[in-house]
Amino acid sequence: MATPKQIARETRIITAALAEFCRRGFHLANVDVIAAAAKVGKATIYRHYGSKEGLFMRVFDHILDNIEKTIRQRTDFTDFRQGSEIAINSYFEMFATSPEVFNFLKIFTGDESIPEGDMRKKLAERYLSRSIWAVEEIRRAQATGQLRRDTDPELLMQSTLGILHFLIYHWIRTGKPERITDNTKLVTTLLFEGLLPKN
């Protein structure tokens, strides 16, 4: 089990690495800068993470851990619509308080400096594997008649994330003119009621 000192050290490293990767992208990020900001030796980073890629993957895992932990602690999907609204609002809140996290995830999806092939594949597999619990909640909602059964759970989950990420990106790009959580009701209504007018 990690000691408080070790936990504090890793927190400093992850915080420094997140800032550097967001600022310069994967390829241009400098491990010396990260080590200095974290107040550790460069050798410490390589000893614990193996390489810059290993450090990037650890930051990625840390972000995914926090997202999953936060949403699962706050949300009960017994009433799937209500649970989805709470989950969506929690997702928005996380990025509102830490927009740099979204900038980091954009590196994974759009940074051309990340080598194609093995690393991008690892990132995609990690990202998708962390959403298995959400897919299972969708399946349960389908089984209990709360959602239509002719929709693929994985595609529904990925489509929902696509909507959320675009709204977060738009919010950041336009200078955060309003609370990002104001979009929660819009997304929930679109998902559960669609675009067609009510009869």
N, C-alpha and C. Protein backbone atom coordinates (compact mmCIF):
# COMPACT_ATOMS: atom_id res chain seq x y z
N MET A 1 0.85 -1.20 0.00
CA MET A 1 0.00 0.00 0.00
C MET A 1 0.89 1.25 0.00
N ALA A 2 0.52 2.21 -0.81
CA ALA A 2 1.32 3.43 -0.93
C ALA A 2 1.23 4.25 0.35
N THR A 3 2.33 4.87 0.71
CA THR A 3 2.37 5.74 1.88
C THR A 3 1.82 7.12 1.51
N PRO A 4 1.43 7.94 2.51
CA PRO A 4 0.96 9.30 2.20
C PRO A 4 1.99 10.10 1.39
N LYS A 5 3.26 9.91 1.68
CA LYS A 5 4.31 10.62 0.96
C LYS A 5 4.33 10.20 -0.51
N GLN A 6 4.19 8.89 -0.76
CA GLN A 6 4.17 8.39 -2.14
C GLN A 6 2.94 8.87 -2.90
N ILE A 7 1.79 8.90 -2.22
CA ILE A 7 0.56 9.38 -2.83
C ILE A 7 0.70 10.86 -3.21
N ALA A 8 1.27 11.64 -2.29
CA ALA A 8 1.46 13.07 -2.55
C ALA A 8 2.40 13.28 -3.72
N ARG A 9 3.45 12.47 -3.79
CA ARG A 9 4.41 12.59 -4.89
C ARG A 9 3.74 12.29 -6.22
N GLU A 10 2.95 11.19 -6.28
CA GLU A 10 2.30 10.87 -7.55
C GLU A 10 1.28 11.94 -7.94
N THR A 11 0.59 12.49 -6.96
CA THR A 11 -0.37 13.56 -7.26
C THR A 11 0.34 14.74 -7.90
N ARG A 12 1.51 15.11 -7.38
CA ARG A 12 2.28 16.23 -7.96
C ARG A 12 2.72 15.89 -9.38
N ILE A 13 3.14 14.65 -9.60
CA ILE A 13 3.61 14.25 -10.93
C ILE A 13 2.45 14.28 -11.93
N ILE A 14 1.32 13.71 -11.55
CA ILE A 14 0.17 13.66 -12.45
C ILE A 14 -0.33 15.07 -12.77
N THR A 15 -0.38 15.93 -11.74
CA THR A 15 -0.83 17.31 -11.96
C THR A 15 0.10 18.05 -12.90
N ALA A 16 1.40 17.88 -12.69
CA ALA A 16 2.39 18.54 -13.55
C ALA A 16 2.35 17.98 -14.97
N ALA A 17 2.21 16.67 -15.09
CA ALA A 17 2.17 16.04 -16.41
C ALA A 17 0.91 16.45 -17.17
N LEU A 18 -0.21 16.50 -16.48
CA LEU A 18 -1.46 16.92 -17.12
C LEU A 18 -1.32 18.33 -17.69
N ALA A 19 -0.75 19.24 -16.92
CA ALA A 19 -0.57 20.62 -17.38
C ALA A 19 0.37 20.68 -18.58
N GLU A 20 1.46 19.94 -18.53
CA GLU A 20 2.44 19.98 -19.63
C GLU A 20 1.89 19.33 -20.90
N PHE A 21 1.21 18.21 -20.78
CA PHE A 21 0.63 17.57 -21.96
C PHE A 21 -0.44 18.45 -22.60
N CYS A 22 -1.25 19.10 -21.77
CA CYS A 22 -2.29 19.99 -22.30
C CYS A 22 -1.68 21.19 -23.01
N ARG A 23 -0.60 21.70 -22.44
CA ARG A 23 0.03 22.90 -22.99
C ARG A 23 0.78 22.63 -24.29
N ARG A 24 1.44 21.48 -24.37
CA ARG A 24 2.34 21.26 -25.50
C ARG A 24 2.03 20.03 -26.34
N GLY A 25 1.04 19.24 -25.94
CA GLY A 25 0.76 18.02 -26.67
C GLY A 25 1.71 16.91 -26.26
N PHE A 26 1.47 15.72 -26.76
CA PHE A 26 2.29 14.57 -26.34
C PHE A 26 3.73 14.70 -26.82
N HIS A 27 3.91 14.98 -28.09
CA HIS A 27 5.24 14.96 -28.70
C HIS A 27 6.16 16.02 -28.11
N LEU A 28 5.64 17.24 -27.91
CA LEU A 28 6.48 18.34 -27.45
C LEU A 28 6.58 18.43 -25.93
N ALA A 29 5.78 17.68 -25.22
CA ALA A 29 5.84 17.71 -23.75
C ALA A 29 7.24 17.32 -23.28
N ASN A 30 7.75 18.04 -22.27
CA ASN A 30 9.11 17.86 -21.80
C ASN A 30 9.11 17.24 -20.40
N VAL A 31 9.71 16.08 -20.28
CA VAL A 31 9.74 15.37 -19.00
C VAL A 31 10.54 16.17 -17.96
N ASP A 32 11.56 16.91 -18.40
CA ASP A 32 12.33 17.74 -17.47
C ASP A 32 11.43 18.80 -16.83
N VAL A 33 10.56 19.40 -17.64
CA VAL A 33 9.64 20.42 -17.13
C VAL A 33 8.67 19.79 -16.13
N ILE A 34 8.18 18.60 -16.47
CA ILE A 34 7.25 17.90 -15.57
C ILE A 34 7.92 17.58 -14.25
N ALA A 35 9.14 17.07 -14.31
CA ALA A 35 9.87 16.71 -13.10
C ALA A 35 10.11 17.94 -12.22
N ALA A 36 10.50 19.05 -12.84
CA ALA A 36 10.76 20.27 -12.07
C ALA A 36 9.48 20.77 -11.40
N ALA A 37 8.37 20.76 -12.14
CA ALA A 37 7.10 21.23 -11.58
C ALA A 37 6.62 20.32 -10.45
N ALA A 38 6.92 19.03 -10.55
CA ALA A 38 6.49 18.06 -9.53
C ALA A 38 7.47 17.96 -8.37
N LYS A 39 8.63 18.67 -8.52
CA LYS A 39 9.67 18.64 -7.48
C LYS A 39 10.20 17.23 -7.24
N VAL A 40 10.46 16.53 -8.35
CA VAL A 40 11.07 15.20 -8.28
C VAL A 40 12.18 15.14 -9.33
N GLY A 41 13.03 14.16 -9.23
CA GLY A 41 14.07 13.99 -10.22
C GLY A 41 13.50 13.34 -11.47
N LYS A 42 14.10 13.65 -12.61
CA LYS A 42 13.67 13.04 -13.87
C LYS A 42 13.76 11.51 -13.79
N ALA A 43 14.80 11.03 -13.09
CA ALA A 43 14.98 9.58 -12.96
C ALA A 43 13.82 8.94 -12.21
N THR A 44 13.22 9.68 -11.28
CA THR A 44 12.07 9.15 -10.54
C THR A 44 10.90 8.88 -11.48
N ILE A 45 10.68 9.78 -12.40
CA ILE A 45 9.58 9.60 -13.36
C ILE A 45 9.82 8.37 -14.23
N TYR A 46 11.05 8.23 -14.74
CA TYR A 46 11.33 7.08 -15.59
C TYR A 46 11.33 5.78 -14.80
N ARG A 47 11.70 5.85 -13.52
CA ARG A 47 11.70 4.63 -12.70
C ARG A 47 10.27 4.14 -12.45
N HIS A 48 9.35 5.06 -12.27
CA HIS A 48 7.96 4.69 -11.94
C HIS A 48 7.08 4.47 -13.17
N TYR A 49 7.37 5.17 -14.27
CA TYR A 49 6.47 5.10 -15.43
C TYR A 49 7.14 4.57 -16.69
N GLY A 50 8.45 4.39 -16.65
CA GLY A 50 9.15 3.75 -17.75
C GLY A 50 9.52 4.67 -18.89
N SER A 51 8.59 5.54 -19.29
CA SER A 51 8.81 6.41 -20.45
C SER A 51 7.78 7.53 -20.43
N LYS A 52 7.93 8.46 -21.36
CA LYS A 52 6.93 9.53 -21.46
C LYS A 52 5.57 8.94 -21.83
N GLU A 53 5.58 7.92 -22.68
CA GLU A 53 4.33 7.24 -23.04
C GLU A 53 3.68 6.61 -21.80
N GLY A 54 4.51 5.97 -20.96
CA GLY A 54 3.98 5.37 -19.74
C GLY A 54 3.36 6.40 -18.82
N LEU A 55 3.99 7.58 -18.73
CA LEU A 55 3.45 8.66 -17.91
C LEU A 55 2.13 9.17 -18.49
N PHE A 56 2.09 9.31 -19.80
CA PHE A 56 0.86 9.77 -20.47
C PHE A 56 -0.28 8.80 -20.18
N MET A 57 0.01 7.50 -20.27
CA MET A 57 -1.01 6.49 -20.01
C MET A 57 -1.48 6.54 -18.56
N ARG A 58 -0.55 6.81 -17.64
CA ARG A 58 -0.95 6.89 -16.23
C ARG A 58 -1.87 8.09 -15.98
N VAL A 59 -1.57 9.23 -16.62
CA VAL A 59 -2.45 10.40 -16.49
C VAL A 59 -3.82 10.07 -17.08
N PHE A 60 -3.82 9.40 -18.20
CA PHE A 60 -5.07 9.00 -18.87
C PHE A 60 -5.90 8.10 -17.94
N ASP A 61 -5.26 7.11 -17.34
CA ASP A 61 -5.95 6.20 -16.42
C ASP A 61 -6.48 6.97 -15.21
N HIS A 62 -5.69 7.91 -14.71
CA HIS A 62 -6.10 8.70 -13.55
C HIS A 62 -7.39 9.49 -13.85
N ILE A 63 -7.44 10.09 -15.02
CA ILE A 63 -8.63 10.85 -15.42
C ILE A 63 -9.84 9.93 -15.53
N LEU A 64 -9.67 8.79 -16.19
CA LEU A 64 -10.78 7.86 -16.36
C LEU A 64 -11.25 7.32 -15.01
N ASP A 65 -10.30 7.06 -14.11
CA ASP A 65 -10.67 6.60 -12.75
C ASP A 65 -11.57 7.62 -12.07
N ASN A 66 -11.18 8.90 -12.15
CA ASN A 66 -11.95 9.96 -11.49
C ASN A 66 -13.33 10.12 -12.09
N ILE A 67 -13.42 10.04 -13.42
CA ILE A 67 -14.72 10.17 -14.08
C ILE A 67 -15.66 9.06 -13.64
N GLU A 68 -15.16 7.82 -13.71
CA GLU A 68 -16.00 6.67 -13.35
C GLU A 68 -16.40 6.72 -11.88
N LYS A 69 -15.44 7.00 -11.00
CA LYS A 69 -15.71 7.04 -9.56
C LYS A 69 -16.75 8.10 -9.22
N THR A 70 -16.59 9.29 -9.79
CA THR A 70 -17.50 10.39 -9.49
C THR A 70 -18.93 10.07 -9.93
N ILE A 71 -19.08 9.59 -11.15
CA ILE A 71 -20.43 9.32 -11.66
C ILE A 71 -21.08 8.16 -10.92
N ARG A 72 -20.34 7.11 -10.66
CA ARG A 72 -20.94 5.94 -10.01
C ARG A 72 -21.30 6.21 -8.55
N GLN A 73 -20.55 7.10 -7.90
CA GLN A 73 -20.87 7.43 -6.52
C GLN A 73 -22.14 8.29 -6.44
N ARG A 74 -22.38 9.10 -7.44
CA ARG A 74 -23.51 10.03 -7.39
C ARG A 74 -24.80 9.47 -7.98
N THR A 75 -24.70 8.40 -8.74
CA THR A 75 -25.82 8.02 -9.58
C THR A 75 -26.40 6.66 -9.25
N ASP A 76 -27.73 6.61 -9.22
CA ASP A 76 -28.47 5.35 -9.11
C ASP A 76 -29.34 5.25 -10.36
N PHE A 77 -29.14 4.19 -11.14
CA PHE A 77 -29.85 4.06 -12.41
C PHE A 77 -31.13 3.23 -12.30
N THR A 78 -31.64 3.03 -11.08
CA THR A 78 -32.90 2.29 -10.94
C THR A 78 -33.98 2.96 -11.79
N ASP A 79 -34.07 4.28 -11.67
CA ASP A 79 -34.87 5.08 -12.59
C ASP A 79 -33.88 5.59 -13.63
N PHE A 80 -33.87 4.98 -14.81
CA PHE A 80 -32.79 5.21 -15.75
C PHE A 80 -32.75 6.65 -16.25
N ARG A 81 -33.90 7.24 -16.51
CA ARG A 81 -33.88 8.63 -16.99
C ARG A 81 -33.33 9.57 -15.92
N GLN A 82 -33.81 9.41 -14.71
CA GLN A 82 -33.32 10.27 -13.63
C GLN A 82 -31.83 10.05 -13.40
N GLY A 83 -31.41 8.79 -13.40
CA GLY A 83 -30.00 8.49 -13.22
C GLY A 83 -29.14 9.06 -14.34
N SER A 84 -29.65 8.99 -15.56
CA SER A 84 -28.91 9.53 -16.71
C SER A 84 -28.74 11.04 -16.58
N GLU A 85 -29.78 11.71 -16.13
CA GLU A 85 -29.71 13.17 -15.97
C GLU A 85 -28.66 13.54 -14.92
N ILE A 86 -28.62 12.80 -13.83
CA ILE A 86 -27.62 13.07 -12.79
C ILE A 86 -26.22 12.78 -13.32
N ALA A 87 -26.07 11.68 -14.07
CA ALA A 87 -24.76 11.31 -14.62
C ALA A 87 -24.27 12.36 -15.61
N ILE A 88 -25.16 12.82 -16.51
CA ILE A 88 -24.79 13.83 -17.49
C ILE A 88 -24.39 15.14 -16.80
N ASN A 89 -25.17 15.53 -15.80
CA ASN A 89 -24.86 16.76 -15.06
C ASN A 89 -23.52 16.64 -14.35
N SER A 90 -23.25 15.46 -13.76
CA SER A 90 -21.98 15.24 -13.08
C SER A 90 -20.81 15.29 -14.05
N TYR A 91 -21.01 14.74 -15.24
CA TYR A 91 -19.97 14.75 -16.29
C TYR A 91 -19.65 16.19 -16.67
N PHE A 92 -20.67 16.99 -16.90
CA PHE A 92 -20.48 18.40 -17.23
C PHE A 92 -19.76 19.13 -16.09
N GLU A 93 -20.16 18.85 -14.85
CA GLU A 93 -19.56 19.53 -13.70
C GLU A 93 -18.06 19.25 -13.60
N MET A 94 -17.66 18.02 -13.88
CA MET A 94 -16.25 17.67 -13.80
C MET A 94 -15.42 18.50 -14.76
N PHE A 95 -15.92 18.69 -15.98
CA PHE A 95 -15.17 19.45 -16.96
C PHE A 95 -15.27 20.95 -16.71
N ALA A 96 -16.35 21.38 -16.07
CA ALA A 96 -16.49 22.80 -15.73
C ALA A 96 -15.45 23.20 -14.69
N THR A 97 -15.21 22.31 -13.73
CA THR A 97 -14.25 22.62 -12.67
C THR A 97 -12.82 22.32 -13.11
N SER A 98 -12.65 21.44 -14.10
CA SER A 98 -11.30 21.08 -14.58
C SER A 98 -11.29 20.99 -16.10
N PRO A 99 -11.42 22.13 -16.81
CA PRO A 99 -11.45 22.08 -18.28
C PRO A 99 -10.17 21.51 -18.89
N GLU A 100 -9.06 21.55 -18.12
CA GLU A 100 -7.82 20.99 -18.65
C GLU A 100 -7.94 19.49 -18.88
N VAL A 101 -8.84 18.83 -18.15
CA VAL A 101 -9.06 17.40 -18.35
C VAL A 101 -9.61 17.15 -19.74
N PHE A 102 -10.54 17.99 -20.17
CA PHE A 102 -11.09 17.84 -21.52
C PHE A 102 -10.01 18.10 -22.56
N ASN A 103 -9.16 19.08 -22.33
CA ASN A 103 -8.07 19.36 -23.27
C ASN A 103 -7.13 18.17 -23.36
N PHE A 104 -6.93 17.48 -22.25
CA PHE A 104 -6.08 16.29 -22.28
C PHE A 104 -6.73 15.20 -23.12
N LEU A 105 -8.03 14.96 -22.94
CA LEU A 105 -8.72 13.94 -23.71
C LEU A 105 -8.71 14.26 -25.20
N LYS A 106 -8.70 15.55 -25.54
CA LYS A 106 -8.63 15.94 -26.96
C LYS A 106 -7.31 15.51 -27.58
N ILE A 107 -6.24 15.45 -26.76
CA ILE A 107 -4.95 14.98 -27.28
C ILE A 107 -5.11 13.55 -27.80
N PHE A 108 -5.80 12.74 -27.01
CA PHE A 108 -6.01 11.33 -27.36
C PHE A 108 -6.77 11.20 -28.68
N THR A 109 -7.76 12.07 -28.91
CA THR A 109 -8.58 11.93 -30.11
C THR A 109 -8.03 12.67 -31.31
N GLY A 110 -7.26 13.75 -31.06
CA GLY A 110 -6.90 14.58 -32.21
C GLY A 110 -5.45 14.96 -32.37
N ASP A 111 -4.59 14.65 -31.42
CA ASP A 111 -3.21 15.08 -31.52
C ASP A 111 -2.45 14.21 -32.51
N GLU A 112 -2.02 14.82 -33.60
CA GLU A 112 -1.31 14.05 -34.63
C GLU A 112 0.07 13.61 -34.17
N SER A 113 0.56 14.22 -33.07
CA SER A 113 1.89 13.84 -32.58
C SER A 113 1.89 12.50 -31.86
N ILE A 114 0.70 12.01 -31.50
CA ILE A 114 0.64 10.68 -30.89
C ILE A 114 0.80 9.65 -32.01
N PRO A 115 1.77 8.78 -31.90
CA PRO A 115 1.99 7.81 -32.97
C PRO A 115 0.76 6.95 -33.24
N GLU A 116 0.45 6.77 -34.50
CA GLU A 116 -0.63 5.86 -34.84
C GLU A 116 -0.21 4.45 -34.47
N GLY A 117 -1.16 3.58 -34.37
CA GLY A 117 -0.82 2.19 -34.11
C GLY A 117 -0.97 1.84 -32.64
N ASP A 118 0.08 1.29 -32.07
CA ASP A 118 -0.02 0.65 -30.76
C ASP A 118 -0.50 1.59 -29.66
N MET A 119 0.07 2.79 -29.55
CA MET A 119 -0.29 3.67 -28.45
C MET A 119 -1.73 4.16 -28.58
N ARG A 120 -2.11 4.60 -29.77
CA ARG A 120 -3.48 5.07 -29.96
C ARG A 120 -4.47 3.93 -29.72
N LYS A 121 -4.09 2.72 -30.11
CA LYS A 121 -4.95 1.55 -29.88
C LYS A 121 -5.10 1.30 -28.38
N LYS A 122 -4.01 1.39 -27.63
CA LYS A 122 -4.07 1.19 -26.18
C LYS A 122 -4.99 2.22 -25.52
N LEU A 123 -4.88 3.48 -25.95
CA LEU A 123 -5.71 4.53 -25.39
C LEU A 123 -7.19 4.27 -25.67
N ALA A 124 -7.49 3.88 -26.90
CA ALA A 124 -8.88 3.61 -27.28
C ALA A 124 -9.44 2.43 -26.48
N GLU A 125 -8.63 1.38 -26.32
CA GLU A 125 -9.08 0.21 -25.57
C GLU A 125 -9.33 0.56 -24.11
N ARG A 126 -8.44 1.37 -23.52
CA ARG A 126 -8.63 1.78 -22.13
C ARG A 126 -9.91 2.59 -21.99
N TYR A 127 -10.10 3.53 -22.90
CA TYR A 127 -11.27 4.41 -22.85
C TYR A 127 -12.56 3.61 -22.94
N LEU A 128 -12.61 2.68 -23.89
CA LEU A 128 -13.82 1.89 -24.08
C LEU A 128 -14.05 0.90 -22.95
N SER A 129 -12.97 0.34 -22.42
CA SER A 129 -13.12 -0.64 -21.33
C SER A 129 -13.71 0.00 -20.08
N ARG A 130 -13.43 1.31 -19.88
CA ARG A 130 -13.95 2.00 -18.71
C ARG A 130 -15.43 2.34 -18.83
N SER A 131 -15.99 2.14 -20.03
CA SER A 131 -17.41 2.48 -20.22
C SER A 131 -18.30 1.23 -20.19
N ILE A 132 -17.70 0.07 -19.91
CA ILE A 132 -18.47 -1.18 -19.88
C ILE A 132 -19.59 -1.11 -18.85
N TRP A 133 -19.32 -0.50 -17.69
CA TRP A 133 -20.35 -0.41 -16.64
C TRP A 133 -21.56 0.39 -17.14
N ALA A 134 -21.31 1.46 -17.94
CA ALA A 134 -22.41 2.27 -18.47
C ALA A 134 -23.23 1.48 -19.48
N VAL A 135 -22.54 0.69 -20.29
CA VAL A 135 -23.23 -0.16 -21.27
C VAL A 135 -24.13 -1.17 -20.55
N GLU A 136 -23.63 -1.72 -19.44
CA GLU A 136 -24.43 -2.66 -18.66
C GLU A 136 -25.66 -2.00 -18.05
N GLU A 137 -25.54 -0.75 -17.64
CA GLU A 137 -26.70 -0.03 -17.12
C GLU A 137 -27.74 0.18 -18.22
N ILE A 138 -27.29 0.43 -19.44
CA ILE A 138 -28.22 0.57 -20.57
C ILE A 138 -28.93 -0.75 -20.82
N ARG A 139 -28.20 -1.84 -20.77
CA ARG A 139 -28.80 -3.17 -20.97
C ARG A 139 -29.85 -3.46 -19.91
N ARG A 140 -29.55 -3.09 -18.66
CA ARG A 140 -30.52 -3.31 -17.59
C ARG A 140 -31.79 -2.48 -17.82
N ALA A 141 -31.60 -1.25 -18.28
CA ALA A 141 -32.75 -0.39 -18.57
C ALA A 141 -33.59 -0.97 -19.71
N GLN A 142 -32.92 -1.57 -20.69
CA GLN A 142 -33.65 -2.22 -21.78
C GLN A 142 -34.43 -3.43 -21.26
N ALA A 143 -33.79 -4.19 -20.40
CA ALA A 143 -34.43 -5.40 -19.87
C ALA A 143 -35.64 -5.09 -19.00
N THR A 144 -35.64 -3.91 -18.37
CA THR A 144 -36.76 -3.53 -17.49
C THR A 144 -37.79 -2.66 -18.20
N GLY A 145 -37.62 -2.52 -19.52
CA GLY A 145 -38.60 -1.78 -20.30
C GLY A 145 -38.48 -0.27 -20.22
N GLN A 146 -37.37 0.24 -19.70
CA GLN A 146 -37.19 1.70 -19.62
C GLN A 146 -36.57 2.29 -20.88
N LEU A 147 -35.99 1.43 -21.70
CA LEU A 147 -35.42 1.85 -22.98
C LEU A 147 -35.82 0.86 -24.06
N ARG A 148 -35.94 1.34 -25.27
CA ARG A 148 -36.25 0.44 -26.38
C ARG A 148 -35.11 -0.56 -26.57
N ARG A 149 -35.46 -1.76 -27.01
CA ARG A 149 -34.48 -2.83 -27.06
C ARG A 149 -33.81 -2.97 -28.43
N ASP A 150 -34.25 -2.19 -29.41
CA ASP A 150 -33.66 -2.33 -30.75
C ASP A 150 -32.50 -1.37 -30.98
N THR A 151 -31.96 -0.81 -29.88
CA THR A 151 -30.82 0.09 -29.97
C THR A 151 -29.60 -0.58 -29.36
N ASP A 152 -28.48 -0.54 -30.08
CA ASP A 152 -27.24 -1.15 -29.59
C ASP A 152 -26.73 -0.34 -28.39
N PRO A 153 -26.56 -0.97 -27.22
CA PRO A 153 -26.13 -0.24 -26.02
C PRO A 153 -24.79 0.48 -26.18
N GLU A 154 -23.84 -0.15 -26.85
CA GLU A 154 -22.53 0.48 -27.01
C GLU A 154 -22.62 1.70 -27.92
N LEU A 155 -23.39 1.60 -29.00
CA LEU A 155 -23.55 2.73 -29.90
C LEU A 155 -24.29 3.88 -29.21
N LEU A 156 -25.27 3.54 -28.39
CA LEU A 156 -26.01 4.57 -27.67
C LEU A 156 -25.09 5.30 -26.69
N MET A 157 -24.27 4.55 -25.98
CA MET A 157 -23.35 5.16 -25.04
C MET A 157 -22.35 6.07 -25.75
N GLN A 158 -21.76 5.56 -26.86
CA GLN A 158 -20.77 6.35 -27.59
C GLN A 158 -21.40 7.58 -28.22
N SER A 159 -22.62 7.46 -28.72
CA SER A 159 -23.31 8.61 -29.32
C SER A 159 -23.58 9.68 -28.26
N THR A 160 -23.96 9.24 -27.07
CA THR A 160 -24.21 10.19 -25.98
C THR A 160 -22.94 10.93 -25.61
N LEU A 161 -21.83 10.20 -25.49
CA LEU A 161 -20.55 10.84 -25.19
C LEU A 161 -20.18 11.83 -26.29
N GLY A 162 -20.46 11.49 -27.54
CA GLY A 162 -20.16 12.40 -28.64
C GLY A 162 -20.90 13.72 -28.48
N ILE A 163 -22.17 13.66 -28.11
CA ILE A 163 -22.96 14.88 -27.89
C ILE A 163 -22.35 15.69 -26.74
N LEU A 164 -22.06 15.01 -25.63
CA LEU A 164 -21.51 15.71 -24.46
C LEU A 164 -20.18 16.38 -24.79
N HIS A 165 -19.30 15.66 -25.48
CA HIS A 165 -17.98 16.21 -25.78
C HIS A 165 -18.07 17.40 -26.73
N PHE A 166 -18.98 17.35 -27.70
CA PHE A 166 -19.12 18.49 -28.59
C PHE A 166 -19.61 19.72 -27.82
N LEU A 167 -20.56 19.53 -26.92
CA LEU A 167 -21.07 20.65 -26.14
C LEU A 167 -19.99 21.23 -25.23
N ILE A 168 -19.16 20.36 -24.64
CA ILE A 168 -18.06 20.85 -23.81
C ILE A 168 -17.06 21.63 -24.66
N TYR A 169 -16.73 21.09 -25.83
CA TYR A 169 -15.79 21.77 -26.73
C TYR A 169 -16.34 23.13 -27.15
N HIS A 170 -17.61 23.18 -27.49
CA HIS A 170 -18.24 24.44 -27.90
C HIS A 170 -18.22 25.44 -26.74
N TRP A 171 -18.48 24.97 -25.55
CA TRP A 171 -18.49 25.81 -24.35
C TRP A 171 -17.11 26.42 -24.10
N ILE A 172 -16.06 25.62 -24.23
CA ILE A 172 -14.69 26.11 -24.04
C ILE A 172 -14.31 27.08 -25.16
N ARG A 173 -14.63 26.70 -26.40
CA ARG A 173 -14.23 27.51 -27.57
C ARG A 173 -14.90 28.87 -27.58
N THR A 174 -16.14 28.97 -27.09
CA THR A 174 -16.87 30.23 -27.12
C THR A 174 -16.65 31.07 -25.85
N GLY A 175 -15.70 30.65 -25.01
CA GLY A 175 -15.37 31.45 -23.85
C GLY A 175 -16.24 31.24 -22.64
N LYS A 176 -16.91 30.08 -22.58
CA LYS A 176 -17.74 29.71 -21.41
C LYS A 176 -18.78 30.78 -21.08
N PRO A 177 -19.65 31.10 -22.04
CA PRO A 177 -20.63 32.17 -21.82
C PRO A 177 -21.72 31.83 -20.81
N GLU A 178 -21.94 30.55 -20.56
CA GLU A 178 -22.96 30.14 -19.62
C GLU A 178 -22.47 28.92 -18.86
N ARG A 179 -23.25 28.45 -17.91
CA ARG A 179 -22.86 27.24 -17.19
C ARG A 179 -23.04 26.05 -18.11
N ILE A 180 -22.03 25.21 -18.21
CA ILE A 180 -22.11 24.04 -19.08
C ILE A 180 -23.23 23.10 -18.61
N THR A 181 -23.50 23.10 -17.30
CA THR A 181 -24.55 22.23 -16.77
C THR A 181 -25.95 22.66 -17.24
N ASP A 182 -26.08 23.88 -17.79
CA ASP A 182 -27.37 24.30 -18.33
C ASP A 182 -27.81 23.42 -19.50
N ASN A 183 -26.85 22.67 -20.07
CA ASN A 183 -27.16 21.78 -21.19
C ASN A 183 -27.69 20.42 -20.77
N THR A 184 -27.68 20.14 -19.47
CA THR A 184 -28.10 18.82 -18.98
C THR A 184 -29.52 18.49 -19.41
N LYS A 185 -30.45 19.40 -19.19
CA LYS A 185 -31.84 19.14 -19.54
C LYS A 185 -32.02 18.96 -21.04
N LEU A 186 -31.30 19.75 -21.83
CA LEU A 186 -31.37 19.63 -23.29
C LEU A 186 -30.98 18.23 -23.74
N VAL A 187 -29.83 17.74 -23.25
CA VAL A 187 -29.35 16.43 -23.67
C VAL A 187 -30.30 15.33 -23.21
N THR A 188 -30.76 15.42 -21.97
CA THR A 188 -31.68 14.40 -21.45
C THR A 188 -32.97 14.36 -22.25
N THR A 189 -33.51 15.53 -22.58
CA THR A 189 -34.74 15.60 -23.37
C THR A 189 -34.55 15.01 -24.76
N LEU A 190 -33.44 15.33 -25.39
CA LEU A 190 -33.15 14.79 -26.72
C LEU A 190 -33.05 13.27 -26.68
N LEU A 191 -32.38 12.76 -25.66
CA LEU A 191 -32.17 11.31 -25.56
C LEU A 191 -33.48 10.56 -25.31
N PHE A 192 -34.33 11.10 -24.46
CA PHE A 192 -35.51 10.36 -24.04
C PHE A 192 -36.80 10.77 -24.77
N GLU A 193 -36.81 11.93 -25.41
CA GLU A 193 -38.02 12.37 -26.10
C GLU A 193 -37.81 12.66 -27.58
N GLY A 194 -36.54 12.78 -28.01
CA GLY A 194 -36.27 13.01 -29.41
C GLY A 194 -36.55 14.44 -29.85
N LEU A 195 -36.57 14.64 -31.16
CA LEU A 195 -36.76 15.97 -31.73
C LEU A 195 -38.18 16.23 -32.24
N LEU A 196 -38.94 15.18 -32.41
CA LEU A 196 -40.29 15.35 -32.96
C LEU A 196 -41.22 16.00 -31.94
N PRO A 197 -42.11 16.87 -32.38
CA PRO A 197 -43.05 17.51 -31.44
C PRO A 197 -43.98 16.46 -30.83
N LYS A 198 -44.42 16.74 -29.61
CA LYS A 198 -45.36 15.85 -28.95
C LYS A 198 -46.74 16.00 -29.60
N ASN A 199 -47.45 14.89 -29.73
CA ASN A 199 -48.80 14.93 -30.31
C ASN A 199 -49.79 15.50 -29.30
